[in-house]
Amino acid sequence: MQVAELIGSLAAVLTTTAFIPQVWQVWRTKHTKDISLAMYAFFTTGVALWLAYGVLLASWPIIIANCITLLLAGSVLILKLKFG
């Protein structure tokens, strides 16, 4: 594995798993008052576009990382809409 691929893979793992504590916290407490709806709406849309970009390039690392991130960030967005 080249250095660039290693760095990209590590970045994908870290930025994707970074959402797990937020999803868990919101799921557990049902508290979303301090979460910005606009930020999660924009971010989730951006991740969906990154996913589309990865599909167009047929780049599995981009596709996999953004599928997982879309699921996690989308979960927070849905929970924010549900619990307000």
C-alpha atoms as a PDB file:
ATOM      1  CA  MET A   1       0.000   0.000   0.000  1.00  0.00           C
ATOM      2  CA  GLN A   2       1.330   3.402  -0.937  1.00  0.00           C
ATOM      3  CA  VAL A   3       1.634   6.183   1.615  1.00  0.00           C
ATOM      4  CA  ALA A   4      -1.152   8.195  -0.047  1.00  0.00           C
ATOM      5  CA  GLU A   5      -3.529   5.219   0.090  1.00  0.00           C
ATOM      6  CA  LEU A   6      -2.648   4.594   3.726  1.00  0.00           C
ATOM      7  CA  ILE A   7      -3.284   8.225   4.656  1.00  0.00           C
ATOM      8  CA  GLY A   8      -6.561   8.252   2.706  1.00  0.00           C
ATOM      9  CA  SER A   9      -7.711   5.029   4.313  1.00  0.00           C
ATOM     10  CA  LEU A  10      -6.889   6.264   7.804  1.00  0.00           C
ATOM     11  CA  ALA A  11      -8.664   9.563   7.109  1.00  0.00           C
ATOM     12  CA  ALA A  12     -11.754   7.688   5.879  1.00  0.00           C
ATOM     13  CA  VAL A  13     -11.845   5.450   8.956  1.00  0.00           C
ATOM     14  CA  LEU A  14     -11.398   8.341  11.395  1.00  0.00           C
ATOM     15  CA  THR A  15     -13.874  10.759   9.791  1.00  0.00           C
ATOM     16  CA  THR A  16     -16.456   8.009   9.395  1.00  0.00           C
ATOM     17  CA  THR A  17     -16.192   6.578  12.905  1.00  0.00           C
ATOM     18  CA  ALA A  18     -16.185  10.077  14.397  1.00  0.00           C
ATOM     19  CA  PHE A  19     -19.979  10.091  14.067  1.00  0.00           C
ATOM     20  CA  ILE A  20     -20.535   6.969  16.161  1.00  0.00           C
ATOM     21  CA  PRO A  21     -20.296   8.739  19.553  1.00  0.00           C
ATOM     22  CA  GLN A  22     -22.765  11.424  18.406  1.00  0.00           C
ATOM     23  CA  VAL A  23     -25.274   8.889  17.122  1.00  0.00           C
ATOM     24  CA  TRP A  24     -24.956   6.873  20.330  1.00  0.00           C
ATOM     25  CA  GLN A  25     -25.329   9.960  22.537  1.00  0.00           C
ATOM     26  CA  VAL A  26     -28.454  11.173  20.744  1.00  0.00           C
ATOM     27  CA  TRP A  27     -29.968   7.686  20.615  1.00  0.00           C
ATOM     28  CA  ARG A  28     -29.344   7.171  24.321  1.00  0.00           C
ATOM     29  CA  THR A  29     -30.450  10.594  25.632  1.00  0.00           C
ATOM     30  CA  LYS A  30     -32.969  11.669  22.958  1.00  0.00           C
ATOM     31  CA  HIS A  31     -31.475  15.160  23.466  1.00  0.00           C
ATOM     32  CA  THR A  32     -30.778  17.144  20.285  1.00  0.00           C
ATOM     33  CA  LYS A  33     -31.292  20.749  21.389  1.00  0.00           C
ATOM     34  CA  ASP A  34     -27.632  21.702  20.977  1.00  0.00           C
ATOM     35  CA  ILE A  35     -27.210  20.040  17.576  1.00  0.00           C
ATOM     36  CA  SER A  36     -27.438  22.334  14.569  1.00  0.00           C
ATOM     37  CA  LEU A  37     -30.123  21.188  12.143  1.00  0.00           C
ATOM     38  CA  ALA A  38     -28.646  23.304   9.333  1.00  0.00           C
ATOM     39  CA  MET A  39     -25.151  21.865   9.828  1.00  0.00           C
ATOM     40  CA  TYR A  40     -26.377  18.267   9.708  1.00  0.00           C
ATOM     41  CA  ALA A  41     -28.644  18.992   6.724  1.00  0.00           C
ATOM     42  CA  PHE A  42     -25.791  20.554   4.750  1.00  0.00           C
ATOM     43  CA  PHE A  43     -23.289  17.919   5.849  1.00  0.00           C
ATOM     44  CA  THR A  44     -25.567  14.990   5.027  1.00  0.00           C
ATOM     45  CA  THR A  45     -26.288  16.466   1.602  1.00  0.00           C
ATOM     46  CA  GLY A  46     -22.557  16.919   1.034  1.00  0.00           C
ATOM     47  CA  VAL A  47     -21.857  13.317   2.007  1.00  0.00           C
ATOM     48  CA  ALA A  48     -24.565  12.137  -0.394  1.00  0.00           C
ATOM     49  CA  LEU A  49     -22.845  14.113  -3.152  1.00  0.00           C
ATOM     50  CA  TRP A  50     -19.461  12.592  -2.214  1.00  0.00           C
ATOM     51  CA  LEU A  51     -21.111   9.187  -2.463  1.00  0.00           C
ATOM     52  CA  ALA A  52     -22.457  10.025  -5.926  1.00  0.00           C
ATOM     53  CA  TYR A  53     -18.973  11.214  -6.914  1.00  0.00           C
ATOM     54  CA  GLY A  54     -17.480   7.941  -5.704  1.00  0.00           C
ATOM     55  CA  VAL A  55     -20.064   5.964  -7.673  1.00  0.00           C
ATOM     56  CA  LEU A  56     -19.318   7.971 -10.828  1.00  0.00           C
ATOM     57  CA  LEU A  57     -15.601   7.259 -10.377  1.00  0.00           C
ATOM     58  CA  ALA A  58     -16.247   3.646  -9.341  1.00  0.00           C
ATOM     59  CA  SER A  59     -13.981   4.316  -6.352  1.00  0.00           C
ATOM     60  CA  TRP A  60     -14.804   1.744  -3.695  1.00  0.00           C
ATOM     61  CA  PRO A  61     -12.962   3.516  -0.849  1.00  0.00           C
ATOM     62  CA  ILE A  62     -15.007   6.690  -1.471  1.00  0.00           C
ATOM     63  CA  ILE A  63     -18.219   4.685  -1.874  1.00  0.00           C
ATOM     64  CA  ILE A  64     -17.779   2.609   1.285  1.00  0.00           C
ATOM     65  CA  ALA A  65     -16.649   5.478   3.516  1.00  0.00           C
ATOM     66  CA  ASN A  66     -19.454   7.743   2.365  1.00  0.00           C
ATOM     67  CA  CYS A  67     -22.139   5.052   2.597  1.00  0.00           C
ATOM     68  CA  ILE A  68     -21.258   4.533   6.239  1.00  0.00           C
ATOM     69  CA  THR A  69     -20.920   8.263   6.928  1.00  0.00           C
ATOM     70  CA  LEU A  70     -24.252   8.947   5.206  1.00  0.00           C
ATOM     71  CA  LEU A  71     -25.898   6.318   7.393  1.00  0.00           C
ATOM     72  CA  LEU A  72     -24.423   7.766  10.598  1.00  0.00           C
ATOM     73  CA  ALA A  73     -24.875  11.480   9.791  1.00  0.00           C
ATOM     74  CA  GLY A  74     -28.312  10.761   8.356  1.00  0.00           C
ATOM     75  CA  SER A  75     -29.220   9.012  11.598  1.00  0.00           C
ATOM     76  CA  VAL A  76     -28.308  12.098  13.611  1.00  0.00           C
ATOM     77  CA  LEU A  77     -30.291  14.268  11.192  1.00  0.00           C
ATOM     78  CA  ILE A  78     -33.359  12.035  11.479  1.00  0.00           C
ATOM     79  CA  LEU A  79     -33.064  11.930  15.269  1.00  0.00           C
ATOM     80  CA  LYS A  80     -32.731  15.730  15.327  1.00  0.00           C
ATOM     81  CA  LEU A  81     -35.910  16.043  13.266  1.00  0.00           C
ATOM     82  CA  LYS A  82     -37.682  13.514  15.486  1.00  0.00           C
ATOM     83  CA  PHE A  83     -36.615  14.845  18.874  1.00  0.00           C
ATOM     84  CA  GLY A  84     -36.177  18.493  17.853  1.00  0.00           C
END
